[in-house]
Amino acid sequence: MEYLCRKALKIIETDYRNEELSLNQVSRQLHVSPNYLSANMKKYTGDTFINLLIRKRMEAAKDLVQNGSLRIAEVAFRCGYSDQHYFSYCFKKYYGISPAGMRAKKG
């Protein structure tokens, strides 16, 4: 179980930019069922696969917003979101402030 979960976490770490990354895709890559992977990820990490993926994407987005000069659309794309508006919605839901608001607050 630990080996499987570490592999899944490594995939999240390296492939979070891929918009298509999902529990189903990772479970296929690891040759296990999505339910099996999901249950083991929850036991091993205490969190769900999707929450772990969102956390990784949001941490990367926050870093790009605060420490870069990329347009918000480019930040969204680099973090696995093809829709800038959906990305901004998710970002604000996660951090309580919009990407533009966070950038302005930092500056």
PDB file of N, CA and C in Angstrom:
ATOM      1  N   MET A   1       0.824  -1.191   0.000  1.00  0.00           N
ATOM      2  CA  MET A   1       0.000   0.000   0.000  1.00  0.00           C
ATOM      3  C   MET A   1       0.872   1.261   0.000  1.00  0.00           C
ATOM      4  N   GLU A   2       1.885   1.293   0.847  1.00  0.00           N
ATOM      5  CA  GLU A   2       2.744   2.474   0.935  1.00  0.00           C
ATOM      6  C   GLU A   2       3.426   2.759  -0.397  1.00  0.00           C
ATOM      7  N   TYR A   3       3.920   1.714  -1.030  1.00  0.00           N
ATOM      8  CA  TYR A   3       4.600   1.867  -2.328  1.00  0.00           C
ATOM      9  C   TYR A   3       3.640   2.456  -3.365  1.00  0.00           C
ATOM     10  N   LEU A   4       2.447   1.909  -3.424  1.00  0.00           N
ATOM     11  CA  LEU A   4       1.428   2.372  -4.363  1.00  0.00           C
ATOM     12  C   LEU A   4       1.104   3.848  -4.137  1.00  0.00           C
ATOM     13  N   CYS A   5       0.920   4.228  -2.899  1.00  0.00           N
ATOM     14  CA  CYS A   5       0.571   5.613  -2.573  1.00  0.00           C
ATOM     15  C   CYS A   5       1.727   6.560  -2.868  1.00  0.00           C
ATOM     16  N   ARG A   6       2.930   6.127  -2.579  1.00  0.00           N
ATOM     17  CA  ARG A   6       4.098   6.969  -2.903  1.00  0.00           C
ATOM     18  C   ARG A   6       4.205   7.193  -4.410  1.00  0.00           C
ATOM     19  N   LYS A   7       3.917   6.157  -5.187  1.00  0.00           N
ATOM     20  CA  LYS A   7       3.945   6.290  -6.645  1.00  0.00           C
ATOM     21  C   LYS A   7       2.877   7.283  -7.097  1.00  0.00           C
ATOM     22  N   ALA A   8       1.680   7.177  -6.524  1.00  0.00           N
ATOM     23  CA  ALA A   8       0.585   8.090  -6.891  1.00  0.00           C
ATOM     24  C   ALA A   8       0.944   9.521  -6.515  1.00  0.00           C
ATOM     25  N   LEU A   9       1.528   9.722  -5.353  1.00  0.00           N
ATOM     26  CA  LEU A   9       1.936  11.071  -4.923  1.00  0.00           C
ATOM     27  C   LEU A   9       3.021  11.624  -5.840  1.00  0.00           C
ATOM     28  N   LYS A  10       3.913  10.766  -6.283  1.00  0.00           N
ATOM     29  CA  LYS A  10       4.970  11.189  -7.215  1.00  0.00           C
ATOM     30  C   LYS A  10       4.359  11.623  -8.550  1.00  0.00           C
ATOM     31  N   ILE A  11       3.355  10.895  -8.999  1.00  0.00           N
ATOM     32  CA  ILE A  11       2.673  11.265 -10.244  1.00  0.00           C
ATOM     33  C   ILE A  11       2.004  12.627 -10.088  1.00  0.00           C
ATOM     34  N   ILE A  12       1.342  12.851  -8.964  1.00  0.00           N
ATOM     35  CA  ILE A  12       0.725  14.159  -8.706  1.00  0.00           C
ATOM     36  C   ILE A  12       1.797  15.244  -8.724  1.00  0.00           C
ATOM     37  N   GLU A  13       2.900  14.991  -8.068  1.00  0.00           N
ATOM     38  CA  GLU A  13       3.988  15.960  -7.963  1.00  0.00           C
ATOM     39  C   GLU A  13       4.557  16.332  -9.335  1.00  0.00           C
ATOM     40  N   THR A  14       4.682  15.359 -10.209  1.00  0.00           N
ATOM     41  CA  THR A  14       5.314  15.622 -11.498  1.00  0.00           C
ATOM     42  C   THR A  14       4.335  15.977 -12.610  1.00  0.00           C
ATOM     43  N   ASP A  15       3.089  15.515 -12.510  1.00  0.00           N
ATOM     44  CA  ASP A  15       2.139  15.685 -13.617  1.00  0.00           C
ATOM     45  C   ASP A  15       0.966  16.608 -13.301  1.00  0.00           C
ATOM     46  N   TYR A  16       1.006  17.344 -12.197  1.00  0.00           N
ATOM     47  CA  TYR A  16      -0.134  18.183 -11.820  1.00  0.00           C
ATOM     48  C   TYR A  16      -0.490  19.209 -12.895  1.00  0.00           C
ATOM     49  N   ARG A  17       0.451  19.547 -13.754  1.00  0.00           N
ATOM     50  CA  ARG A  17       0.196  20.520 -14.830  1.00  0.00           C
ATOM     51  C   ARG A  17      -0.731  19.964 -15.910  1.00  0.00           C
ATOM     52  N   ASN A  18      -0.837  18.641 -15.962  1.00  0.00           N
ATOM     53  CA  ASN A  18      -1.662  17.975 -16.958  1.00  0.00           C
ATOM     54  C   ASN A  18      -3.140  18.107 -16.572  1.00  0.00           C
ATOM     55  N   GLU A  19      -3.885  18.802 -17.394  1.00  0.00           N
ATOM     56  CA  GLU A  19      -5.307  19.026 -17.127  1.00  0.00           C
ATOM     57  C   GLU A  19      -6.083  17.711 -17.047  1.00  0.00           C
ATOM     58  N   GLU A  20      -5.608  16.699 -17.747  1.00  0.00           N
ATOM     59  CA  GLU A  20      -6.295  15.402 -17.798  1.00  0.00           C
ATOM     60  C   GLU A  20      -5.977  14.506 -16.605  1.00  0.00           C
ATOM     61  N   LEU A  21      -5.084  14.917 -15.733  1.00  0.00           N
ATOM     62  CA  LEU A  21      -4.706  14.087 -14.587  1.00  0.00           C
ATOM     63  C   LEU A  21      -5.925  13.833 -13.720  1.00  0.00           C
ATOM     64  N   SER A  22      -6.169  12.573 -13.421  1.00  0.00           N
ATOM     65  CA  SER A  22      -7.331  12.205 -12.622  1.00  0.00           C
ATOM     66  C   SER A  22      -7.041  10.911 -11.875  1.00  0.00           C
ATOM     67  N   LEU A  23      -7.921  10.594 -10.938  1.00  0.00           N
ATOM     68  CA  LEU A  23      -7.820   9.333 -10.210  1.00  0.00           C
ATOM     69  C   LEU A  23      -7.857   8.164 -11.187  1.00  0.00           C
ATOM     70  N   ASN A  24      -8.751   8.223 -12.162  1.00  0.00           N
ATOM     71  CA  ASN A  24      -8.852   7.133 -13.136  1.00  0.00           C
ATOM     72  C   ASN A  24      -7.571   6.961 -13.940  1.00  0.00           C
ATOM     73  N   GLN A  25      -6.995   8.070 -14.375  1.00  0.00           N
ATOM     74  CA  GLN A  25      -5.766   8.002 -15.169  1.00  0.00           C
ATOM     75  C   GLN A  25      -4.625   7.414 -14.335  1.00  0.00           C
ATOM     76  N   VAL A  26      -4.478   7.890 -13.111  1.00  0.00           N
ATOM     77  CA  VAL A  26      -3.388   7.404 -12.257  1.00  0.00           C
ATOM     78  C   VAL A  26      -3.597   5.937 -11.905  1.00  0.00           C
ATOM     79  N   SER A  27      -4.821   5.553 -11.617  1.00  0.00           N
ATOM     80  CA  SER A  27      -5.071   4.148 -11.280  1.00  0.00           C
ATOM     81  C   SER A  27      -4.765   3.239 -12.476  1.00  0.00           C
ATOM     82  N   ARG A  28      -5.085   3.696 -13.689  1.00  0.00           N
ATOM     83  CA  ARG A  28      -4.723   2.913 -14.885  1.00  0.00           C
ATOM     84  C   ARG A  28      -3.206   2.794 -14.999  1.00  0.00           C
ATOM     85  N   GLN A  29      -2.512   3.884 -14.750  1.00  0.00           N
ATOM     86  CA  GLN A  29      -1.052   3.900 -14.828  1.00  0.00           C
ATOM     87  C   GLN A  29      -0.437   2.922 -13.824  1.00  0.00           C
ATOM     88  N   LEU A  30      -1.068   2.809 -12.663  1.00  0.00           N
ATOM     89  CA  LEU A  30      -0.546   1.940 -11.593  1.00  0.00           C
ATOM     90  C   LEU A  30      -1.160   0.541 -11.616  1.00  0.00           C
ATOM     91  N   HIS A  31      -2.056   0.295 -12.575  1.00  0.00           N
ATOM     92  CA  HIS A  31      -2.674  -1.023 -12.754  1.00  0.00           C
ATOM     93  C   HIS A  31      -3.490  -1.480 -11.545  1.00  0.00           C
ATOM     94  N   VAL A  32      -4.256  -0.554 -10.990  1.00  0.00           N
ATOM     95  CA  VAL A  32      -5.174  -0.876  -9.894  1.00  0.00           C
ATOM     96  C   VAL A  32      -6.511  -0.180 -10.182  1.00  0.00           C
ATOM     97  N   SER A  33      -7.533  -0.573  -9.466  1.00  0.00           N
ATOM     98  CA  SER A  33      -8.830   0.067  -9.685  1.00  0.00           C
ATOM     99  C   SER A  33      -8.848   1.440  -9.018  1.00  0.00           C
ATOM    100  N   PRO A  34      -9.647   2.358  -9.552  1.00  0.00           N
ATOM    101  CA  PRO A  34      -9.760   3.684  -8.933  1.00  0.00           C
ATOM    102  C   PRO A  34     -10.226   3.606  -7.476  1.00  0.00           C
ATOM    103  N   ASN A  35     -11.170   2.705  -7.182  1.00  0.00           N
ATOM    104  CA  ASN A  35     -11.654   2.570  -5.806  1.00  0.00           C
ATOM    105  C   ASN A  35     -10.552   2.102  -4.860  1.00  0.00           C
ATOM    106  N   TYR A  36      -9.746   1.161  -5.313  1.00  0.00           N
ATOM    107  CA  TYR A  36      -8.646   0.645  -4.498  1.00  0.00           C
ATOM    108  C   TYR A  36      -7.622   1.754  -4.221  1.00  0.00           C
ATOM    109  N   LEU A  37      -7.259   2.477  -5.278  1.00  0.00           N
ATOM    110  CA  LEU A  37      -6.289   3.564  -5.111  1.00  0.00           C
ATOM    111  C   LEU A  37      -6.847   4.644  -4.196  1.00  0.00           C
ATOM    112  N   SER A  38      -8.092   5.005  -4.419  1.00  0.00           N
ATOM    113  CA  SER A  38      -8.734   6.049  -3.611  1.00  0.00           C
ATOM    114  C   SER A  38      -8.748   5.683  -2.130  1.00  0.00           C
ATOM    115  N   ALA A  39      -9.170   4.478  -1.836  1.00  0.00           N
ATOM    116  CA  ALA A  39      -9.238   4.025  -0.438  1.00  0.00           C
ATOM    117  C   ALA A  39      -7.855   4.005   0.211  1.00  0.00           C
ATOM    118  N   ASN A  40      -6.871   3.540  -0.525  1.00  0.00           N
ATOM    119  CA  ASN A  40      -5.516   3.474   0.030  1.00  0.00           C
ATOM    120  C   ASN A  40      -4.885   4.852   0.187  1.00  0.00           C
ATOM    121  N   MET A  41      -5.168   5.753  -0.738  1.00  0.00           N
ATOM    122  CA  MET A  41      -4.654   7.125  -0.606  1.00  0.00           C
ATOM    123  C   MET A  41      -5.238   7.781   0.643  1.00  0.00           C
ATOM    124  N   LYS A  42      -6.521   7.566   0.869  1.00  0.00           N
ATOM    125  CA  LYS A  42      -7.184   8.142   2.039  1.00  0.00           C
ATOM    126  C   LYS A  42      -6.568   7.585   3.327  1.00  0.00           C
ATOM    127  N   LYS A  43      -6.319   6.278   3.357  1.00  0.00           N
ATOM    128  CA  LYS A  43      -5.696   5.652   4.545  1.00  0.00           C
ATOM    129  C   LYS A  43      -4.274   6.156   4.753  1.00  0.00           C
ATOM    130  N   TYR A  44      -3.511   6.240   3.669  1.00  0.00           N
ATOM    131  CA  TYR A  44      -2.086   6.575   3.756  1.00  0.00           C
ATOM    132  C   TYR A  44      -1.856   8.057   4.053  1.00  0.00           C
ATOM    133  N   THR A  45      -2.637   8.932   3.402  1.00  0.00           N
ATOM    134  CA  THR A  45      -2.385  10.372   3.539  1.00  0.00           C
ATOM    135  C   THR A  45      -3.393  11.085   4.436  1.00  0.00           C
ATOM    136  N   GLY A  46      -4.540  10.454   4.642  1.00  0.00           N
ATOM    137  CA  GLY A  46      -5.591  11.107   5.409  1.00  0.00           C
ATOM    138  C   GLY A  46      -6.420  12.054   4.564  1.00  0.00           C
ATOM    139  N   ASP A  47      -6.173  12.071   3.252  1.00  0.00           N
ATOM    140  CA  ASP A  47      -6.907  12.962   2.366  1.00  0.00           C
ATOM    141  C   ASP A  47      -7.231  12.238   1.071  1.00  0.00           C
ATOM    142  N   THR A  48      -8.157  12.811   0.298  1.00  0.00           N
ATOM    143  CA  THR A  48      -8.555  12.183  -0.959  1.00  0.00           C
ATOM    144  C   THR A  48      -7.581  12.536  -2.070  1.00  0.00           C
ATOM    145  N   PHE A  49      -7.602  11.741  -3.112  1.00  0.00           N
ATOM    146  CA  PHE A  49      -6.745  11.979  -4.264  1.00  0.00           C
ATOM    147  C   PHE A  49      -6.987  13.374  -4.825  1.00  0.00           C
ATOM    148  N   ILE A  50      -8.251  13.718  -5.033  1.00  0.00           N
ATOM    149  CA  ILE A  50      -8.562  15.008  -5.655  1.00  0.00           C
ATOM    150  C   ILE A  50      -8.123  16.167  -4.765  1.00  0.00           C
ATOM    151  N   ASN A  51      -8.278  16.047  -3.460  1.00  0.00           N
ATOM    152  CA  ASN A  51      -7.815  17.114  -2.563  1.00  0.00           C
ATOM    153  C   ASN A  51      -6.295  17.266  -2.621  1.00  0.00           C
ATOM    154  N   LEU A  52      -5.597  16.150  -2.723  1.00  0.00           N
ATOM    155  CA  LEU A  52      -4.129  16.208  -2.835  1.00  0.00           C
ATOM    156  C   LEU A  52      -3.717  16.881  -4.143  1.00  0.00           C
ATOM    157  N   LEU A  53      -4.432  16.563  -5.221  1.00  0.00           N
ATOM    158  CA  LEU A  53      -4.134  17.175  -6.521  1.00  0.00           C
ATOM    159  C   LEU A  53      -4.438  18.672  -6.485  1.00  0.00           C
ATOM    160  N   ILE A  54      -5.579  19.034  -5.941  1.00  0.00           N
ATOM    161  CA  ILE A  54      -5.939  20.458  -5.849  1.00  0.00           C
ATOM    162  C   ILE A  54      -4.932  21.207  -4.994  1.00  0.00           C
ATOM    163  N   ARG A  55      -4.528  20.633  -3.870  1.00  0.00           N
ATOM    164  CA  ARG A  55      -3.544  21.291  -2.998  1.00  0.00           C
ATOM    165  C   ARG A  55      -2.244  21.556  -3.755  1.00  0.00           C
ATOM    166  N   LYS A  56      -1.775  20.565  -4.496  1.00  0.00           N
ATOM    167  CA  LYS A  56      -0.534  20.731  -5.265  1.00  0.00           C
ATOM    168  C   LYS A  56      -0.691  21.839  -6.301  1.00  0.00           C
ATOM    169  N   ARG A  57      -1.818  21.819  -7.018  1.00  0.00           N
ATOM    170  CA  ARG A  57      -2.046  22.837  -8.038  1.00  0.00           C
ATOM    171  C   ARG A  57      -2.159  24.227  -7.424  1.00  0.00           C
ATOM    172  N   MET A  58      -2.827  24.339  -6.313  1.00  0.00           N
ATOM    173  CA  MET A  58      -3.013  25.650  -5.679  1.00  0.00           C
ATOM    174  C   MET A  58      -1.705  26.173  -5.083  1.00  0.00           C
ATOM    175  N   GLU A  59      -0.900  25.299  -4.511  1.00  0.00           N
ATOM    176  CA  GLU A  59       0.404  25.733  -3.983  1.00  0.00           C
ATOM    177  C   GLU A  59       1.285  26.246  -5.120  1.00  0.00           C
ATOM    178  N   ALA A  60       1.281  25.525  -6.242  1.00  0.00           N
ATOM    179  CA  ALA A  60       2.070  25.957  -7.399  1.00  0.00           C
ATOM    180  C   ALA A  60       1.532  27.280  -7.936  1.00  0.00           C
ATOM    181  N   ALA A  61       0.221  27.406  -7.989  1.00  0.00           N
ATOM    182  CA  ALA A  61      -0.404  28.639  -8.490  1.00  0.00           C
ATOM    183  C   ALA A  61      -0.066  29.820  -7.589  1.00  0.00           C
ATOM    184  N   LYS A  62      -0.144  29.617  -6.291  1.00  0.00           N
ATOM    185  CA  LYS A  62       0.166  30.693  -5.347  1.00  0.00           C
ATOM    186  C   LYS A  62       1.598  31.174  -5.544  1.00  0.00           C
ATOM    187  N   ASP A  63       2.514  30.246  -5.713  1.00  0.00           N
ATOM    188  CA  ASP A  63       3.914  30.601  -5.931  1.00  0.00           C
ATOM    189  C   ASP A  63       4.074  31.404  -7.220  1.00  0.00           C
ATOM    190  N   LEU A  64       3.415  30.966  -8.289  1.00  0.00           N
ATOM    191  CA  LEU A  64       3.507  31.682  -9.565  1.00  0.00           C
ATOM    192  C   LEU A  64       2.856  33.063  -9.491  1.00  0.00           C
ATOM    193  N   VAL A  65       1.748  33.163  -8.779  1.00  0.00           N
ATOM    194  CA  VAL A  65       1.054  34.453  -8.645  1.00  0.00           C
ATOM    195  C   VAL A  65       1.904  35.428  -7.840  1.00  0.00           C
ATOM    196  N   GLN A  66       2.462  34.962  -6.740  1.00  0.00           N
ATOM    197  CA  GLN A  66       3.220  35.845  -5.848  1.00  0.00           C
ATOM    198  C   GLN A  66       4.616  36.169  -6.353  1.00  0.00           C
ATOM    199  N   ASN A  67       5.229  35.238  -7.046  1.00  0.00           N
ATOM    200  CA  ASN A  67       6.644  35.407  -7.382  1.00  0.00           C
ATOM    201  C   ASN A  67       6.928  35.550  -8.870  1.00  0.00           C
ATOM    202  N   GLY A  68       5.890  35.767  -9.644  1.00  0.00           N
ATOM    203  CA  GLY A  68       6.117  35.869 -11.079  1.00  0.00           C
ATOM    204  C   GLY A  68       5.341  37.015 -11.681  1.00  0.00           C
ATOM    205  N   SER A  69       5.545  37.178 -12.966  1.00  0.00           N
ATOM    206  CA  SER A  69       4.844  38.238 -13.679  1.00  0.00           C
ATOM    207  C   SER A  69       3.965  37.657 -14.781  1.00  0.00           C
ATOM    208  N   LEU A  70       3.689  36.357 -14.695  1.00  0.00           N
ATOM    209  CA  LEU A  70       2.848  35.707 -15.696  1.00  0.00           C
ATOM    210  C   LEU A  70       1.416  36.220 -15.608  1.00  0.00           C
ATOM    211  N   ARG A  71       0.753  36.255 -16.745  1.00  0.00           N
ATOM    212  CA  ARG A  71      -0.670  36.577 -16.755  1.00  0.00           C
ATOM    213  C   ARG A  71      -1.408  35.465 -16.011  1.00  0.00           C
ATOM    214  N   ILE A  72      -2.557  35.783 -15.443  1.00  0.00           N
ATOM    215  CA  ILE A  72      -3.324  34.800 -14.680  1.00  0.00           C
ATOM    216  C   ILE A  72      -3.697  33.608 -15.567  1.00  0.00           C
ATOM    217  N   ALA A  73      -4.010  33.857 -16.830  1.00  0.00           N
ATOM    218  CA  ALA A  73      -4.343  32.767 -17.755  1.00  0.00           C
ATOM    219  C   ALA A  73      -3.164  31.796 -17.905  1.00  0.00           C
ATOM    220  N   GLU A  74      -1.942  32.326 -17.929  1.00  0.00           N
ATOM    221  CA  GLU A  74      -0.753  31.481 -18.046  1.00  0.00           C
ATOM    222  C   GLU A  74      -0.523  30.699 -16.758  1.00  0.00           C
ATOM    223  N   VAL A  75      -0.751  31.330 -15.622  1.00  0.00           N
ATOM    224  CA  VAL A  75      -0.650  30.625 -14.337  1.00  0.00           C
ATOM    225  C   VAL A  75      -1.642  29.468 -14.320  1.00  0.00           C
ATOM    226  N   ALA A  76      -2.869  29.743 -14.733  1.00  0.00           N
ATOM    227  CA  ALA A  76      -3.908  28.707 -14.775  1.00  0.00           C
ATOM    228  C   ALA A  76      -3.449  27.534 -15.637  1.00  0.00           C
ATOM    229  N   PHE A  77      -2.974  27.829 -16.825  1.00  0.00           N
ATOM    230  CA  PHE A  77      -2.525  26.792 -17.749  1.00  0.00           C
ATOM    231  C   PHE A  77      -1.384  25.971 -17.152  1.00  0.00           C
ATOM    232  N   ARG A  78      -0.431  26.624 -16.529  1.00  0.00           N
ATOM    233  CA  ARG A  78       0.726  25.922 -15.950  1.00  0.00           C
ATOM    234  C   ARG A  78       0.354  25.063 -14.748  1.00  0.00           C
ATOM    235  N   CYS A  79      -0.834  25.293 -14.211  1.00  0.00           N
ATOM    236  CA  CYS A  79      -1.269  24.530 -13.035  1.00  0.00           C
ATOM    237  C   CYS A  79      -2.382  23.535 -13.358  1.00  0.00           C
ATOM    238  N   GLY A  80      -2.605  23.282 -14.640  1.00  0.00           N
ATOM    239  CA  GLY A  80      -3.546  22.242 -15.028  1.00  0.00           C
ATOM    240  C   GLY A  80      -4.971  22.696 -15.270  1.00  0.00           C
ATOM    241  N   TYR A  81      -5.174  23.996 -15.448  1.00  0.00           N
ATOM    242  CA  TYR A  81      -6.517  24.530 -15.712  1.00  0.00           C
ATOM    243  C   TYR A  81      -6.532  25.192 -17.086  1.00  0.00           C
ATOM    244  N   SER A  82      -7.449  24.775 -17.950  1.00  0.00           N
ATOM    245  CA  SER A  82      -7.534  25.380 -19.279  1.00  0.00           C
ATOM    246  C   SER A  82      -8.443  26.606 -19.277  1.00  0.00           C
ATOM    247  N   ASP A  83      -9.282  26.719 -18.272  1.00  0.00           N
ATOM    248  CA  ASP A  83     -10.236  27.823 -18.183  1.00  0.00           C
ATOM    249  C   ASP A  83      -9.803  28.779 -17.077  1.00  0.00           C
ATOM    250  N   GLN A  84      -9.402  29.973 -17.466  1.00  0.00           N
ATOM    251  CA  GLN A  84      -8.912  30.971 -16.499  1.00  0.00           C
ATOM    252  C   GLN A  84      -9.976  31.326 -15.466  1.00  0.00           C
ATOM    253  N   HIS A  85     -11.216  31.433 -15.891  1.00  0.00           N
ATOM    254  CA  HIS A  85     -12.279  31.824 -14.965  1.00  0.00           C
ATOM    255  C   HIS A  85     -12.532  30.738 -13.924  1.00  0.00           C
ATOM    256  N   TYR A  86     -12.515  29.477 -14.363  1.00  0.00           N
ATOM    257  CA  TYR A  86     -12.681  28.368 -13.417  1.00  0.00           C
ATOM    258  C   TYR A  86     -11.492  28.320 -12.464  1.00  0.00           C
ATOM    259  N   PHE A  87     -10.305  28.533 -12.998  1.00  0.00           N
ATOM    260  CA  PHE A  87      -9.114  28.573 -12.147  1.00  0.00           C
ATOM    261  C   PHE A  87      -9.252  29.662 -11.084  1.00  0.00           C
ATOM    262  N   SER A  88      -9.651  30.857 -11.492  1.00  0.00           N
ATOM    263  CA  SER A  88      -9.796  31.968 -10.548  1.00  0.00           C
ATOM    264  C   SER A  88     -10.839  31.650  -9.485  1.00  0.00           C
ATOM    265  N   TYR A  89     -11.930  31.000  -9.898  1.00  0.00           N
ATOM    266  CA  TYR A  89     -12.964  30.571  -8.954  1.00  0.00           C
ATOM    267  C   TYR A  89     -12.378  29.598  -7.922  1.00  0.00           C
ATOM    268  N   CYS A  90     -11.651  28.589  -8.407  1.00  0.00           N
ATOM    269  CA  CYS A  90     -11.043  27.591  -7.513  1.00  0.00           C
ATOM    270  C   CYS A  90     -10.013  28.231  -6.585  1.00  0.00           C
ATOM    271  N   PHE A  91      -9.209  29.123  -7.123  1.00  0.00           N
ATOM    272  CA  PHE A  91      -8.174  29.805  -6.355  1.00  0.00           C
ATOM    273  C   PHE A  91      -8.815  30.607  -5.220  1.00  0.00           C
ATOM    274  N   LYS A  92      -9.862  31.361  -5.559  1.00  0.00           N
ATOM    275  CA  LYS A  92     -10.524  32.181  -4.545  1.00  0.00           C
ATOM    276  C   LYS A  92     -11.205  31.310  -3.492  1.00  0.00           C
ATOM    277  N   LYS A  93     -11.780  30.204  -3.923  1.00  0.00           N
ATOM    278  CA  LYS A  93     -12.412  29.273  -2.984  1.00  0.00           C
ATOM    279  C   LYS A  93     -11.353  28.684  -2.037  1.00  0.00           C
ATOM    280  N   TYR A  94     -10.175  28.390  -2.562  1.00  0.00           N
ATOM    281  CA  TYR A  94      -9.104  27.764  -1.775  1.00  0.00           C
ATOM    282  C   TYR A  94      -8.437  28.762  -0.824  1.00  0.00           C
ATOM    283  N   TYR A  95      -8.120  29.956  -1.319  1.00  0.00           N
ATOM    284  CA  TYR A  95      -7.362  30.929  -0.531  1.00  0.00           C
ATOM    285  C   TYR A  95      -8.188  32.076   0.033  1.00  0.00           C
ATOM    286  N   GLY A  96      -9.424  32.233  -0.437  1.00  0.00           N
ATOM    287  CA  GLY A  96     -10.263  33.318   0.053  1.00  0.00           C
ATOM    288  C   GLY A  96      -9.957  34.664  -0.590  1.00  0.00           C
ATOM    289  N   ILE A  97      -9.147  34.640  -1.617  1.00  0.00           N
ATOM    290  CA  ILE A  97      -8.786  35.857  -2.346  1.00  0.00           C
ATOM    291  C   ILE A  97      -8.504  35.462  -3.795  1.00  0.00           C
ATOM    292  N   SER A  98      -8.821  36.355  -4.724  1.00  0.00           N
ATOM    293  CA  SER A  98      -8.592  36.039  -6.135  1.00  0.00           C
ATOM    294  C   SER A  98      -7.085  36.078  -6.441  1.00  0.00           C
ATOM    295  N   PRO A  99      -6.668  35.438  -7.537  1.00  0.00           N
ATOM    296  CA  PRO A  99      -5.251  35.524  -7.900  1.00  0.00           C
ATOM    297  C   PRO A  99      -4.784  36.976  -8.091  1.00  0.00           C
ATOM    298  N   ALA A 100      -5.605  37.774  -8.761  1.00  0.00           N
ATOM    299  CA  ALA A 100      -5.236  39.186  -8.972  1.00  0.00           C
ATOM    300  C   ALA A 100      -5.174  39.932  -7.643  1.00  0.00           C
ATOM    301  N   GLY A 101      -6.099  39.614  -6.759  1.00  0.00           N
ATOM    302  CA  GLY A 101      -6.107  40.251  -5.436  1.00  0.00           C
ATOM    303  C   GLY A 101      -4.877  39.880  -4.622  1.00  0.00           C
ATOM    304  N   MET A 102      -4.472  38.624  -4.701  1.00  0.00           N
ATOM    305  CA  MET A 102      -3.271  38.180  -3.984  1.00  0.00           C
ATOM    306  C   MET A 102      -2.025  38.865  -4.545  1.00  0.00           C
ATOM    307  N   ARG A 103      -1.986  38.981  -5.854  1.00  0.00           N
ATOM    308  CA  ARG A 103      -0.830  39.635  -6.492  1.00  0.00           C
ATOM    309  C   ARG A 103      -0.769  41.107  -6.089  1.00  0.00           C
ATOM    310  N   ALA A 104      -1.903  41.778  -6.095  1.00  0.00           N
ATOM    311  CA  ALA A 104      -1.962  43.201  -5.724  1.00  0.00           C
ATOM    312  C   ALA A 104      -1.602  43.391  -4.260  1.00  0.00           C
ATOM    313  N   LYS A 105      -2.065  42.498  -3.410  1.00  0.00           N
ATOM    314  CA  LYS A 105      -1.790  42.582  -1.968  1.00  0.00           C
ATOM    315  C   LYS A 105      -0.299  42.419  -1.690  1.00  0.00           C
ATOM    316  N   LYS A 106       0.357  41.545  -2.462  1.00  0.00           N
ATOM    317  CA  LYS A 106       1.782  41.309  -2.275  1.00  0.00           C
ATOM    318  C   LYS A 106       2.597  42.526  -2.717  1.00  0.00           C
ATOM    319  N   GLY A 107       2.152  43.155  -3.834  1.00  0.00           N
ATOM    320  CA  GLY A 107       2.885  44.268  -4.411  1.00  0.00           C
ATOM    321  C   GLY A 107       2.697  45.486  -3.616  1.00  0.00           C
TER     322      GLY A 107
END
